[in-house]
């Protein structure tokens, strides 16, 4: 992720999965997803949760990229995040 002066292009419409942070991962990780949606939808979903609940989740994005709460919240504040 780059700084706000030179923001990287984000593929907001990429398919992503919401997982519990400590679901064990592994070969069957794809079966443990709570919800599938676009990256933008999942980022907005996590950002609207009560702060105490946010830490429980991670987002897996195409290419095996795992987004933890810090990165998710940075994405939620980007001006290019599509709004519903």
C-alpha atoms as a PDB file:
ATOM      1  CA  UNK A   1       0.000   0.000   0.000  1.00  0.00           C
ATOM      2  CA  UNK A   2       1.386   3.443  -0.828  1.00  0.00           C
ATOM      3  CA  UNK A   3       1.012   6.799   0.837  1.00  0.00           C
ATOM      4  CA  UNK A   4      -1.896   9.138   0.167  1.00  0.00           C
ATOM      5  CA  UNK A   5       0.225  11.426  -2.047  1.00  0.00           C
ATOM      6  CA  UNK A   6       0.577   8.591  -4.563  1.00  0.00           C
ATOM      7  CA  UNK A   7      -2.224   6.113  -3.872  1.00  0.00           C
ATOM      8  CA  UNK A   8      -2.007   2.698  -5.488  1.00  0.00           C
ATOM      9  CA  UNK A   9      -4.860   1.600  -7.699  1.00  0.00           C
ATOM     10  CA  UNK A  10      -7.189  -0.745  -5.813  1.00  0.00           C
ATOM     11  CA  UNK A  11      -9.332  -3.317  -7.626  1.00  0.00           C
ATOM     12  CA  UNK A  12     -12.442  -2.647  -5.547  1.00  0.00           C
ATOM     13  CA  UNK A  13     -14.564  -5.065  -7.589  1.00  0.00           C
ATOM     14  CA  UNK A  14     -12.280  -8.066  -7.022  1.00  0.00           C
ATOM     15  CA  UNK A  15     -13.977 -10.967  -5.300  1.00  0.00           C
ATOM     16  CA  UNK A  16     -12.967 -11.322  -1.655  1.00  0.00           C
ATOM     17  CA  UNK A  17     -13.956 -13.436   1.352  1.00  0.00           C
ATOM     18  CA  UNK A  18     -14.588 -12.506   4.952  1.00  0.00           C
ATOM     19  CA  UNK A  19     -13.083 -14.907   7.499  1.00  0.00           C
ATOM     20  CA  UNK A  20     -12.791 -15.090  11.242  1.00  0.00           C
ATOM     21  CA  UNK A  21      -9.257 -14.019  12.094  1.00  0.00           C
ATOM     22  CA  UNK A  22      -8.304 -17.302  13.746  1.00  0.00           C
ATOM     23  CA  UNK A  23     -10.162 -19.822  11.580  1.00  0.00           C
ATOM     24  CA  UNK A  24      -7.073 -21.977  11.144  1.00  0.00           C
ATOM     25  CA  UNK A  25      -6.532 -21.310   7.433  1.00  0.00           C
ATOM     26  CA  UNK A  26      -5.093 -24.339   5.665  1.00  0.00           C
ATOM     27  CA  UNK A  27      -6.250 -26.298   2.646  1.00  0.00           C
ATOM     28  CA  UNK A  28      -9.939 -25.960   3.529  1.00  0.00           C
ATOM     29  CA  UNK A  29      -9.715 -22.224   4.120  1.00  0.00           C
ATOM     30  CA  UNK A  30     -12.085 -21.536   1.208  1.00  0.00           C
ATOM     31  CA  UNK A  31     -14.822 -23.460   2.995  1.00  0.00           C
ATOM     32  CA  UNK A  32     -14.462 -21.364   6.135  1.00  0.00           C
ATOM     33  CA  UNK A  33     -15.459 -18.064   4.565  1.00  0.00           C
ATOM     34  CA  UNK A  34     -18.320 -16.247   6.287  1.00  0.00           C
ATOM     35  CA  UNK A  35     -19.267 -14.085   3.326  1.00  0.00           C
ATOM     36  CA  UNK A  36     -18.183 -13.480  -0.271  1.00  0.00           C
ATOM     37  CA  UNK A  37     -18.488 -10.056  -1.847  1.00  0.00           C
ATOM     38  CA  UNK A  38     -16.409  -7.446  -3.615  1.00  0.00           C
ATOM     39  CA  UNK A  39     -13.456  -6.017  -1.762  1.00  0.00           C
ATOM     40  CA  UNK A  40     -15.282  -2.684  -1.479  1.00  0.00           C
ATOM     41  CA  UNK A  41     -18.373  -4.290   0.064  1.00  0.00           C
ATOM     42  CA  UNK A  42     -16.360  -6.199   2.662  1.00  0.00           C
ATOM     43  CA  UNK A  43     -14.240  -3.174   3.571  1.00  0.00           C
ATOM     44  CA  UNK A  44     -17.409  -1.119   4.110  1.00  0.00           C
ATOM     45  CA  UNK A  45     -18.975  -3.974   6.110  1.00  0.00           C
ATOM     46  CA  UNK A  46     -16.011  -4.281   8.492  1.00  0.00           C
ATOM     47  CA  UNK A  47     -15.698  -0.500   8.878  1.00  0.00           C
ATOM     48  CA  UNK A  48     -19.324  -0.189  10.028  1.00  0.00           C
ATOM     49  CA  UNK A  49     -18.972  -2.865  12.724  1.00  0.00           C
ATOM     50  CA  UNK A  50     -18.523  -1.783  16.337  1.00  0.00           C
ATOM     51  CA  UNK A  51     -14.821  -1.244  16.972  1.00  0.00           C
ATOM     52  CA  UNK A  52     -14.623  -4.140  19.435  1.00  0.00           C
ATOM     53  CA  UNK A  53     -15.877  -6.599  16.761  1.00  0.00           C
ATOM     54  CA  UNK A  54     -13.621  -5.508  13.898  1.00  0.00           C
ATOM     55  CA  UNK A  55     -10.551  -7.313  15.263  1.00  0.00           C
ATOM     56  CA  UNK A  56     -12.336 -10.669  14.857  1.00  0.00           C
ATOM     57  CA  UNK A  57     -12.207 -10.607  11.055  1.00  0.00           C
ATOM     58  CA  UNK A  58      -9.816 -10.616   8.108  1.00  0.00           C
ATOM     59  CA  UNK A  59     -10.439 -10.338   4.373  1.00  0.00           C
ATOM     60  CA  UNK A  60      -8.859 -12.707   1.869  1.00  0.00           C
ATOM     61  CA  UNK A  61      -8.489 -11.145  -1.571  1.00  0.00           C
ATOM     62  CA  UNK A  62      -7.556 -12.732  -4.883  1.00  0.00           C
ATOM     63  CA  UNK A  63      -3.905 -13.721  -4.990  1.00  0.00           C
ATOM     64  CA  UNK A  64      -3.886 -14.981  -1.397  1.00  0.00           C
ATOM     65  CA  UNK A  65      -3.621 -11.480   0.051  1.00  0.00           C
ATOM     66  CA  UNK A  66      -4.819 -11.365   3.665  1.00  0.00           C
ATOM     67  CA  UNK A  67      -5.988  -7.960   4.881  1.00  0.00           C
ATOM     68  CA  UNK A  68      -5.926  -7.436   8.639  1.00  0.00           C
ATOM     69  CA  UNK A  69      -7.861  -4.731  10.480  1.00  0.00           C
ATOM     70  CA  UNK A  70      -5.200  -2.009  10.117  1.00  0.00           C
ATOM     71  CA  UNK A  71      -5.104  -2.310   6.338  1.00  0.00           C
ATOM     72  CA  UNK A  72      -8.895  -2.681   6.135  1.00  0.00           C
ATOM     73  CA  UNK A  73      -9.435   0.550   8.064  1.00  0.00           C
ATOM     74  CA  UNK A  74      -6.895   2.402   5.899  1.00  0.00           C
ATOM     75  CA  UNK A  75      -8.793   1.239   2.821  1.00  0.00           C
ATOM     76  CA  UNK A  76     -12.103   2.329   4.369  1.00  0.00           C
ATOM     77  CA  UNK A  77     -10.837   5.924   4.529  1.00  0.00           C
ATOM     78  CA  UNK A  78      -9.691   6.111   0.904  1.00  0.00           C
ATOM     79  CA  UNK A  79     -11.616   8.667  -1.143  1.00  0.00           C
ATOM     80  CA  UNK A  80     -11.843   6.224  -4.080  1.00  0.00           C
ATOM     81  CA  UNK A  81     -13.722   3.563  -2.055  1.00  0.00           C
ATOM     82  CA  UNK A  82     -16.977   3.072  -3.965  1.00  0.00           C
ATOM     83  CA  UNK A  83     -20.024   4.010  -1.924  1.00  0.00           C
ATOM     84  CA  UNK A  84     -23.294   2.060  -2.118  1.00  0.00           C
END
